N, C-alpha and C. Protein backbone atom coordinates (compact mmCIF):
# COMPACT_ATOMS: atom_id res chain seq x y z
N MET A 1 13.83 8.47 -2.44
CA MET A 1 14.62 8.27 -1.26
C MET A 1 14.87 6.78 -1.08
N LYS A 2 16.12 6.40 -1.03
CA LYS A 2 16.50 5.01 -0.78
C LYS A 2 16.27 4.71 0.69
N LYS A 3 15.70 3.56 0.99
CA LYS A 3 15.39 3.21 2.37
C LYS A 3 16.42 2.22 2.88
N ASN A 4 17.02 2.52 3.97
CA ASN A 4 17.97 1.63 4.62
C ASN A 4 17.48 1.46 6.04
N GLY A 5 16.80 0.35 6.32
CA GLY A 5 16.16 0.13 7.61
C GLY A 5 17.10 0.25 8.78
N LEU A 6 18.32 -0.27 8.67
CA LEU A 6 19.25 -0.22 9.79
C LEU A 6 19.61 1.22 10.10
N THR A 7 19.93 2.01 9.10
CA THR A 7 20.33 3.39 9.34
C THR A 7 19.16 4.21 9.85
N LEU A 8 17.96 4.01 9.27
CA LEU A 8 16.80 4.74 9.76
C LEU A 8 16.50 4.33 11.19
N SER A 9 16.72 3.07 11.53
CA SER A 9 16.52 2.62 12.92
C SER A 9 17.50 3.31 13.84
N LEU A 10 18.72 3.51 13.37
CA LEU A 10 19.72 4.21 14.18
C LEU A 10 19.30 5.65 14.42
N ILE A 11 18.69 6.27 13.43
CA ILE A 11 18.19 7.64 13.62
C ILE A 11 17.11 7.64 14.69
N ILE A 12 16.21 6.66 14.64
CA ILE A 12 15.16 6.57 15.66
C ILE A 12 15.79 6.36 17.03
N LEU A 13 16.81 5.47 17.11
CA LEU A 13 17.46 5.23 18.40
C LEU A 13 18.16 6.48 18.91
N LEU A 14 18.73 7.27 18.01
CA LEU A 14 19.34 8.54 18.41
C LEU A 14 18.28 9.44 19.03
N ILE A 15 17.13 9.51 18.40
CA ILE A 15 16.04 10.33 18.94
C ILE A 15 15.64 9.83 20.31
N ILE A 16 15.45 8.52 20.45
CA ILE A 16 15.04 7.95 21.72
C ILE A 16 16.10 8.17 22.78
N SER A 17 17.39 8.03 22.44
CA SER A 17 18.45 8.17 23.43
C SER A 17 18.57 9.60 23.94
N LEU A 18 18.07 10.54 23.21
CA LEU A 18 18.14 11.94 23.62
C LEU A 18 16.91 12.39 24.40
N THR A 19 15.88 11.58 24.47
CA THR A 19 14.61 12.04 25.02
C THR A 19 14.65 12.33 26.52
N LYS A 20 15.69 11.94 27.21
CA LYS A 20 15.77 12.23 28.64
C LYS A 20 16.74 13.39 28.91
N SER A 21 17.01 14.20 27.89
CA SER A 21 17.92 15.33 28.07
C SER A 21 17.30 16.37 29.00
N THR A 22 18.14 17.29 29.48
CA THR A 22 17.65 18.22 30.50
C THR A 22 17.65 19.69 30.08
N LEU A 23 18.24 20.04 28.96
CA LEU A 23 18.32 21.44 28.57
C LEU A 23 17.48 21.71 27.34
N ALA A 24 16.71 22.81 27.34
CA ALA A 24 15.82 23.14 26.22
C ALA A 24 16.57 23.91 25.14
N GLN A 25 16.58 23.40 23.92
CA GLN A 25 17.17 24.03 22.73
C GLN A 25 18.46 24.76 23.06
N GLN A 26 19.34 24.09 23.74
CA GLN A 26 20.64 24.65 24.10
C GLN A 26 21.71 24.12 23.15
N LYS A 27 22.94 24.60 23.34
CA LYS A 27 24.03 24.11 22.51
C LYS A 27 24.46 22.71 22.92
N SER A 28 24.09 22.29 24.14
CA SER A 28 24.36 20.91 24.54
C SER A 28 23.18 20.36 25.33
N ILE A 29 23.05 19.06 25.28
CA ILE A 29 21.95 18.36 25.93
C ILE A 29 22.55 17.23 26.76
N THR A 30 22.06 17.04 27.96
CA THR A 30 22.54 15.95 28.80
C THR A 30 21.83 14.66 28.41
N ARG A 31 22.64 13.66 28.06
CA ARG A 31 22.10 12.36 27.64
C ARG A 31 21.70 11.54 28.86
N PRO A 32 20.94 10.45 28.64
CA PRO A 32 20.53 9.60 29.77
C PRO A 32 21.70 9.05 30.57
N ASP A 33 22.88 8.87 29.93
CA ASP A 33 24.04 8.34 30.65
C ASP A 33 24.79 9.42 31.41
N GLY A 34 24.27 10.66 31.40
CA GLY A 34 24.88 11.76 32.15
C GLY A 34 25.88 12.59 31.37
N ARG A 35 26.33 12.08 30.22
CA ARG A 35 27.27 12.85 29.40
C ARG A 35 26.51 13.86 28.57
N ASP A 36 27.19 14.95 28.24
CA ASP A 36 26.58 15.96 27.39
C ASP A 36 26.86 15.65 25.92
N ILE A 37 25.90 16.03 25.08
CA ILE A 37 26.07 15.93 23.64
C ILE A 37 25.73 17.31 23.07
N THR A 38 26.57 17.79 22.19
CA THR A 38 26.35 19.13 21.65
C THR A 38 25.42 19.07 20.46
N ALA A 39 24.81 20.20 20.18
CA ALA A 39 23.95 20.30 19.00
C ALA A 39 24.78 20.02 17.74
N ALA A 40 26.02 20.46 17.73
CA ALA A 40 26.89 20.22 16.58
C ALA A 40 27.14 18.73 16.38
N THR A 41 27.29 17.98 17.46
CA THR A 41 27.48 16.53 17.37
C THR A 41 26.22 15.86 16.85
N ILE A 42 25.07 16.31 17.34
CA ILE A 42 23.80 15.77 16.85
C ILE A 42 23.70 16.03 15.35
N ASP A 43 23.99 17.26 14.93
CA ASP A 43 23.92 17.62 13.51
C ASP A 43 24.84 16.74 12.66
N ARG A 44 26.09 16.57 13.11
CA ARG A 44 27.04 15.73 12.35
C ARG A 44 26.54 14.29 12.24
N THR A 45 26.05 13.76 13.36
CA THR A 45 25.57 12.37 13.38
C THR A 45 24.37 12.19 12.46
N VAL A 46 23.41 13.10 12.56
CA VAL A 46 22.20 13.00 11.73
C VAL A 46 22.58 13.12 10.25
N LYS A 47 23.43 14.09 9.91
CA LYS A 47 23.81 14.27 8.50
C LYS A 47 24.57 13.05 7.97
N LYS A 48 25.43 12.45 8.80
CA LYS A 48 26.15 11.25 8.37
C LYS A 48 25.18 10.09 8.13
N LEU A 49 24.24 9.89 9.06
CA LEU A 49 23.25 8.82 8.89
C LEU A 49 22.36 9.07 7.67
N MET A 50 21.99 10.32 7.45
CA MET A 50 21.17 10.65 6.28
C MET A 50 21.93 10.35 4.99
N ASP A 51 23.21 10.74 4.95
CA ASP A 51 24.03 10.48 3.76
C ASP A 51 24.16 8.98 3.51
N THR A 52 24.40 8.22 4.58
CA THR A 52 24.58 6.78 4.46
C THR A 52 23.32 6.11 3.91
N ALA A 53 22.15 6.56 4.37
CA ALA A 53 20.88 5.94 3.96
C ALA A 53 20.26 6.64 2.77
N ASP A 54 20.90 7.65 2.24
CA ASP A 54 20.38 8.43 1.12
C ASP A 54 19.00 9.02 1.46
N VAL A 55 18.89 9.54 2.68
CA VAL A 55 17.66 10.19 3.14
C VAL A 55 17.78 11.67 2.78
N THR A 56 16.81 12.20 2.07
CA THR A 56 16.90 13.58 1.59
C THR A 56 16.30 14.61 2.53
N GLY A 57 15.49 14.16 3.49
CA GLY A 57 14.89 15.11 4.43
C GLY A 57 14.50 14.42 5.71
N LEU A 58 14.68 15.14 6.83
CA LEU A 58 14.38 14.57 8.14
C LEU A 58 14.13 15.70 9.12
N SER A 59 13.22 15.47 10.04
CA SER A 59 13.02 16.40 11.15
C SER A 59 13.27 15.65 12.44
N LEU A 60 13.96 16.28 13.36
CA LEU A 60 14.32 15.65 14.62
C LEU A 60 13.73 16.47 15.76
N GLY A 61 13.07 15.82 16.67
CA GLY A 61 12.55 16.48 17.86
C GLY A 61 12.90 15.69 19.09
N VAL A 62 13.38 16.37 20.12
CA VAL A 62 13.69 15.73 21.39
C VAL A 62 12.73 16.31 22.42
N ILE A 63 11.99 15.43 23.07
CA ILE A 63 11.00 15.86 24.06
C ILE A 63 11.45 15.42 25.43
N VAL A 64 11.46 16.36 26.37
CA VAL A 64 11.87 16.08 27.74
C VAL A 64 10.79 16.62 28.67
N GLY A 65 10.27 15.77 29.51
CA GLY A 65 9.26 16.21 30.46
C GLY A 65 8.07 16.85 29.78
N ASN A 66 7.62 16.26 28.68
CA ASN A 66 6.48 16.75 27.91
C ASN A 66 6.70 18.12 27.28
N LYS A 67 7.96 18.53 27.13
CA LYS A 67 8.29 19.80 26.49
C LYS A 67 9.35 19.56 25.42
N VAL A 68 9.28 20.35 24.35
CA VAL A 68 10.28 20.25 23.29
C VAL A 68 11.60 20.82 23.82
N ALA A 69 12.63 19.97 23.81
CA ALA A 69 13.95 20.39 24.27
C ALA A 69 14.86 20.75 23.10
N TYR A 70 14.63 20.12 21.95
CA TYR A 70 15.48 20.36 20.79
C TYR A 70 14.68 20.02 19.54
N ILE A 71 14.76 20.87 18.56
CA ILE A 71 14.07 20.60 17.30
C ILE A 71 14.92 21.15 16.15
N LYS A 72 15.04 20.35 15.10
CA LYS A 72 15.85 20.77 13.96
C LYS A 72 15.40 20.01 12.74
N SER A 73 15.41 20.66 11.59
CA SER A 73 15.07 20.04 10.31
C SER A 73 16.30 20.00 9.43
N TYR A 74 16.38 18.94 8.64
CA TYR A 74 17.54 18.72 7.77
C TYR A 74 17.06 18.41 6.35
N GLY A 75 17.78 18.90 5.36
CA GLY A 75 17.54 18.53 3.98
C GLY A 75 16.27 19.10 3.38
N TYR A 76 15.73 18.35 2.42
CA TYR A 76 14.59 18.79 1.62
C TYR A 76 13.28 18.17 2.08
N LYS A 77 12.20 18.96 1.91
CA LYS A 77 10.88 18.33 2.03
C LYS A 77 10.46 17.80 0.66
N ASN A 78 11.02 18.39 -0.41
CA ASN A 78 10.77 17.91 -1.77
C ASN A 78 12.03 18.21 -2.58
N LYS A 79 12.90 17.20 -2.69
CA LYS A 79 14.18 17.40 -3.37
C LYS A 79 13.99 17.73 -4.84
N ALA A 80 13.02 17.07 -5.50
CA ALA A 80 12.78 17.30 -6.93
C ALA A 80 12.42 18.76 -7.20
N ALA A 81 11.70 19.37 -6.28
CA ALA A 81 11.30 20.77 -6.44
C ALA A 81 12.28 21.72 -5.72
N SER A 82 13.35 21.16 -5.17
CA SER A 82 14.34 21.94 -4.41
C SER A 82 13.69 22.78 -3.31
N THR A 83 12.74 22.18 -2.60
CA THR A 83 12.06 22.85 -1.50
C THR A 83 12.66 22.35 -0.19
N TRP A 84 13.21 23.28 0.58
CA TRP A 84 13.87 22.92 1.83
C TRP A 84 12.85 22.53 2.91
N ASN A 85 13.27 21.62 3.73
CA ASN A 85 12.51 21.17 4.88
C ASN A 85 12.56 22.25 5.96
N ASP A 86 11.50 22.35 6.75
CA ASP A 86 11.53 23.22 7.94
C ASP A 86 10.78 22.51 9.06
N THR A 87 10.76 23.11 10.23
CA THR A 87 10.16 22.43 11.39
C THR A 87 8.64 22.32 11.29
N ALA A 88 8.02 22.94 10.30
CA ALA A 88 6.57 22.81 10.10
C ALA A 88 6.22 21.75 9.06
N THR A 89 7.24 21.14 8.45
CA THR A 89 7.01 20.11 7.42
C THR A 89 6.47 18.85 8.07
N CYS A 90 5.43 18.27 7.45
CA CYS A 90 4.88 17.00 7.91
C CYS A 90 5.35 15.90 6.97
N PHE A 91 5.95 14.87 7.53
CA PHE A 91 6.40 13.73 6.75
C PHE A 91 5.47 12.55 7.01
N TYR A 92 5.28 11.73 5.99
CA TYR A 92 4.52 10.50 6.14
C TYR A 92 5.42 9.48 6.81
N GLY A 93 5.04 9.02 7.99
CA GLY A 93 5.87 8.12 8.78
C GLY A 93 5.78 6.66 8.37
N ALA A 94 4.64 6.25 7.82
CA ALA A 94 4.41 4.86 7.39
C ALA A 94 4.84 3.90 8.49
N SER A 95 5.55 2.86 8.11
CA SER A 95 5.92 1.80 9.06
C SER A 95 7.06 2.20 9.98
N LEU A 96 7.66 3.35 9.76
CA LEU A 96 8.74 3.81 10.63
C LEU A 96 8.26 3.97 12.06
N SER A 97 6.97 4.25 12.23
CA SER A 97 6.43 4.44 13.58
C SER A 97 6.28 3.12 14.32
N LYS A 98 6.32 1.99 13.63
CA LYS A 98 6.16 0.70 14.29
C LYS A 98 7.24 0.45 15.33
N ALA A 99 8.48 0.80 15.02
CA ALA A 99 9.58 0.58 15.96
C ALA A 99 9.39 1.43 17.21
N LEU A 100 8.98 2.67 17.04
CA LEU A 100 8.74 3.54 18.18
C LEU A 100 7.57 3.03 19.02
N PHE A 101 6.50 2.59 18.36
CA PHE A 101 5.35 2.06 19.07
C PHE A 101 5.74 0.81 19.86
N ALA A 102 6.52 -0.07 19.24
CA ALA A 102 6.98 -1.29 19.93
C ALA A 102 7.81 -0.94 21.16
N TYR A 103 8.65 0.06 21.03
CA TYR A 103 9.47 0.51 22.17
C TYR A 103 8.57 1.00 23.31
N LEU A 104 7.54 1.78 22.98
CA LEU A 104 6.62 2.28 24.00
C LEU A 104 5.84 1.14 24.65
N VAL A 105 5.42 0.15 23.86
CA VAL A 105 4.71 -1.01 24.40
C VAL A 105 5.62 -1.76 25.38
N MET A 106 6.88 -1.92 25.01
CA MET A 106 7.82 -2.62 25.90
C MET A 106 8.01 -1.86 27.22
N GLN A 107 8.03 -0.53 27.14
CA GLN A 107 8.13 0.27 28.38
C GLN A 107 6.91 0.05 29.26
N LEU A 108 5.72 0.01 28.67
CA LEU A 108 4.50 -0.24 29.44
C LEU A 108 4.53 -1.63 30.07
N MET A 109 5.08 -2.59 29.35
CA MET A 109 5.19 -3.94 29.90
C MET A 109 6.18 -3.97 31.06
N ASP A 110 7.33 -3.31 30.87
CA ASP A 110 8.34 -3.27 31.93
C ASP A 110 7.80 -2.65 33.21
N LYS A 111 6.91 -1.67 33.07
CA LYS A 111 6.33 -1.00 34.23
C LYS A 111 5.13 -1.75 34.81
N GLY A 112 4.75 -2.85 34.18
CA GLY A 112 3.62 -3.63 34.66
C GLY A 112 2.26 -3.02 34.34
N ILE A 113 2.24 -2.03 33.44
CA ILE A 113 0.99 -1.36 33.06
C ILE A 113 0.24 -2.18 32.02
N LEU A 114 0.97 -2.90 31.18
CA LEU A 114 0.37 -3.67 30.09
C LEU A 114 0.87 -5.10 30.15
N ASP A 115 -0.05 -6.03 29.98
CA ASP A 115 0.27 -7.46 29.87
C ASP A 115 -0.17 -7.90 28.49
N LEU A 116 0.76 -8.40 27.70
CA LEU A 116 0.46 -8.77 26.32
C LEU A 116 -0.63 -9.83 26.21
N ASP A 117 -0.81 -10.63 27.24
CA ASP A 117 -1.76 -11.74 27.16
C ASP A 117 -3.02 -11.53 27.99
N LYS A 118 -3.19 -10.35 28.53
CA LYS A 118 -4.41 -10.02 29.28
C LYS A 118 -5.43 -9.48 28.28
N PRO A 119 -6.68 -9.98 28.34
CA PRO A 119 -7.68 -9.47 27.39
C PRO A 119 -7.81 -7.94 27.46
N LEU A 120 -7.84 -7.31 26.29
CA LEU A 120 -7.86 -5.85 26.22
C LEU A 120 -9.12 -5.24 26.82
N TYR A 121 -10.23 -5.97 26.79
CA TYR A 121 -11.46 -5.38 27.32
C TYR A 121 -11.31 -5.00 28.79
N THR A 122 -10.39 -5.64 29.50
CA THR A 122 -10.20 -5.31 30.92
C THR A 122 -9.58 -3.92 31.11
N TYR A 123 -9.00 -3.37 30.05
CA TYR A 123 -8.42 -2.03 30.10
C TYR A 123 -9.43 -0.96 29.67
N LEU A 124 -10.54 -1.36 29.07
CA LEU A 124 -11.50 -0.41 28.52
C LEU A 124 -12.48 0.08 29.59
N PRO A 125 -12.90 1.35 29.48
CA PRO A 125 -13.87 1.87 30.46
C PRO A 125 -15.28 1.31 30.27
N LYS A 126 -15.57 0.81 29.06
CA LYS A 126 -16.89 0.20 28.81
C LYS A 126 -16.71 -0.93 27.81
N PRO A 127 -17.66 -1.86 27.73
CA PRO A 127 -17.54 -2.99 26.80
C PRO A 127 -17.40 -2.53 25.34
N LEU A 128 -16.62 -3.26 24.57
CA LEU A 128 -16.35 -2.91 23.18
C LEU A 128 -17.61 -2.68 22.35
N PRO A 129 -18.67 -3.50 22.47
CA PRO A 129 -19.87 -3.26 21.65
C PRO A 129 -20.59 -1.95 21.98
N GLU A 130 -20.21 -1.29 23.07
CA GLU A 130 -20.83 -0.01 23.41
C GLU A 130 -20.18 1.16 22.65
N TYR A 131 -19.08 0.90 21.94
CA TYR A 131 -18.46 1.91 21.09
C TYR A 131 -19.13 1.84 19.72
N ASP A 132 -19.40 3.00 19.12
CA ASP A 132 -20.16 3.07 17.87
C ASP A 132 -19.67 2.12 16.78
N LYS A 133 -18.37 2.07 16.53
CA LYS A 133 -17.85 1.26 15.42
C LYS A 133 -17.91 -0.24 15.70
N TYR A 134 -18.22 -0.64 16.92
CA TYR A 134 -18.18 -2.05 17.27
C TYR A 134 -19.52 -2.57 17.82
N LYS A 135 -20.60 -1.86 17.54
CA LYS A 135 -21.93 -2.26 18.00
C LYS A 135 -22.33 -3.63 17.47
N ASP A 136 -21.84 -3.97 16.28
CA ASP A 136 -22.20 -5.24 15.67
C ASP A 136 -21.59 -6.44 16.41
N LEU A 137 -20.74 -6.20 17.40
CA LEU A 137 -20.15 -7.29 18.17
C LEU A 137 -21.02 -7.71 19.36
N ALA A 138 -22.10 -6.98 19.60
CA ALA A 138 -23.01 -7.34 20.69
C ALA A 138 -23.52 -8.76 20.45
N GLY A 139 -23.45 -9.59 21.46
CA GLY A 139 -23.90 -10.97 21.33
C GLY A 139 -22.82 -11.92 20.85
N ASP A 140 -21.65 -11.41 20.50
CA ASP A 140 -20.52 -12.24 20.08
C ASP A 140 -19.37 -11.96 21.05
N ASP A 141 -19.20 -12.81 22.02
CA ASP A 141 -18.22 -12.58 23.08
C ASP A 141 -16.77 -12.87 22.70
N ARG A 142 -16.50 -13.19 21.43
CA ARG A 142 -15.11 -13.46 21.03
C ARG A 142 -14.21 -12.25 21.22
N TRP A 143 -14.77 -11.04 21.21
CA TRP A 143 -13.97 -9.84 21.41
C TRP A 143 -13.33 -9.83 22.79
N LYS A 144 -13.88 -10.57 23.72
CA LYS A 144 -13.31 -10.64 25.08
C LYS A 144 -12.01 -11.44 25.12
N LEU A 145 -11.70 -12.15 24.06
CA LEU A 145 -10.49 -12.96 23.99
C LEU A 145 -9.29 -12.19 23.42
N ILE A 146 -9.53 -11.05 22.82
CA ILE A 146 -8.48 -10.31 22.12
C ILE A 146 -7.51 -9.67 23.11
N THR A 147 -6.22 -9.90 22.87
CA THR A 147 -5.15 -9.38 23.74
C THR A 147 -4.28 -8.40 22.94
N ALA A 148 -3.40 -7.72 23.64
CA ALA A 148 -2.44 -6.83 22.98
C ALA A 148 -1.55 -7.62 22.02
N ARG A 149 -1.21 -8.83 22.40
CA ARG A 149 -0.38 -9.67 21.52
C ARG A 149 -1.10 -9.91 20.18
N HIS A 150 -2.42 -10.14 20.23
CA HIS A 150 -3.19 -10.30 18.98
C HIS A 150 -3.10 -9.03 18.13
N CYS A 151 -3.28 -7.89 18.78
CA CYS A 151 -3.24 -6.62 18.03
C CYS A 151 -1.87 -6.38 17.41
N LEU A 152 -0.83 -6.62 18.18
CA LEU A 152 0.53 -6.37 17.69
C LEU A 152 0.93 -7.33 16.58
N SER A 153 0.32 -8.51 16.54
CA SER A 153 0.66 -9.48 15.50
C SER A 153 -0.42 -9.55 14.41
N HIS A 154 -1.34 -8.59 14.41
CA HIS A 154 -2.40 -8.51 13.40
C HIS A 154 -3.23 -9.78 13.33
N THR A 155 -3.55 -10.36 14.51
CA THR A 155 -4.33 -11.59 14.52
C THR A 155 -5.63 -11.44 15.32
N THR A 156 -6.20 -10.24 15.32
CA THR A 156 -7.46 -10.00 16.05
C THR A 156 -8.65 -10.56 15.29
N GLY A 157 -8.54 -10.68 13.99
CA GLY A 157 -9.67 -11.09 13.16
C GLY A 157 -10.41 -9.90 12.57
N PHE A 158 -10.04 -8.68 13.00
CA PHE A 158 -10.65 -7.48 12.44
C PHE A 158 -9.91 -7.08 11.17
N PRO A 159 -10.61 -6.48 10.19
CA PRO A 159 -9.90 -5.98 9.00
C PRO A 159 -8.98 -4.84 9.38
N ASN A 160 -7.85 -4.73 8.67
CA ASN A 160 -6.88 -3.66 8.97
C ASN A 160 -7.44 -2.28 8.71
N LEU A 161 -8.13 -2.11 7.61
CA LEU A 161 -8.65 -0.80 7.24
C LEU A 161 -10.16 -0.89 7.09
N GLU A 162 -10.84 -0.82 8.19
CA GLU A 162 -12.30 -0.97 8.18
C GLU A 162 -12.93 0.06 7.25
N GLY A 163 -13.86 -0.39 6.42
CA GLY A 163 -14.54 0.51 5.51
C GLY A 163 -13.82 0.69 4.20
N ILE A 164 -12.54 0.36 4.15
CA ILE A 164 -11.77 0.48 2.91
C ILE A 164 -11.62 -0.90 2.28
N GLN A 165 -11.18 -1.89 3.05
CA GLN A 165 -11.00 -3.24 2.51
C GLN A 165 -12.35 -3.92 2.32
N SER A 166 -13.10 -3.99 3.41
CA SER A 166 -14.41 -4.63 3.32
C SER A 166 -15.23 -4.22 4.55
N PRO A 167 -16.49 -3.99 4.37
CA PRO A 167 -17.30 -3.63 5.54
C PRO A 167 -17.51 -4.87 6.41
N ARG A 168 -17.67 -4.64 7.71
CA ARG A 168 -17.91 -5.75 8.64
C ARG A 168 -19.37 -6.04 8.70
């Protein structure tokens, strides 16, 4: 599968723009701007974006009010084996989830729930060394300096894959 970041980002934005729809698995969904979009329009748009980015398989889900409003699978789950995708197919998201996570973080910031520069320990129900994986931090108060900005920019000082790269 050829990766085209811009087109894949557009697919993510399409998903996000539909998340405030009001009708469950109907032929049309009300968009956040109040206009309706039909399932056929969604299908045409997704197929065009997939063709442009040479994406062979994709699953789309629209969630409204914590309920699935629309779900559809496109293309193959394994093109080489000619196996069609379905709504039960699990895809490896890899870094594609970073854009969605960043969007959610920005929403939390806009609502005043999260401050990128506030130490994260202030959000925790108990001190970090009281969690099993971080007991070795007892007596080292540097963990109190770590903020969401550090986590988002991979500058916490913690290994990315604990236990795989190197033990702490």
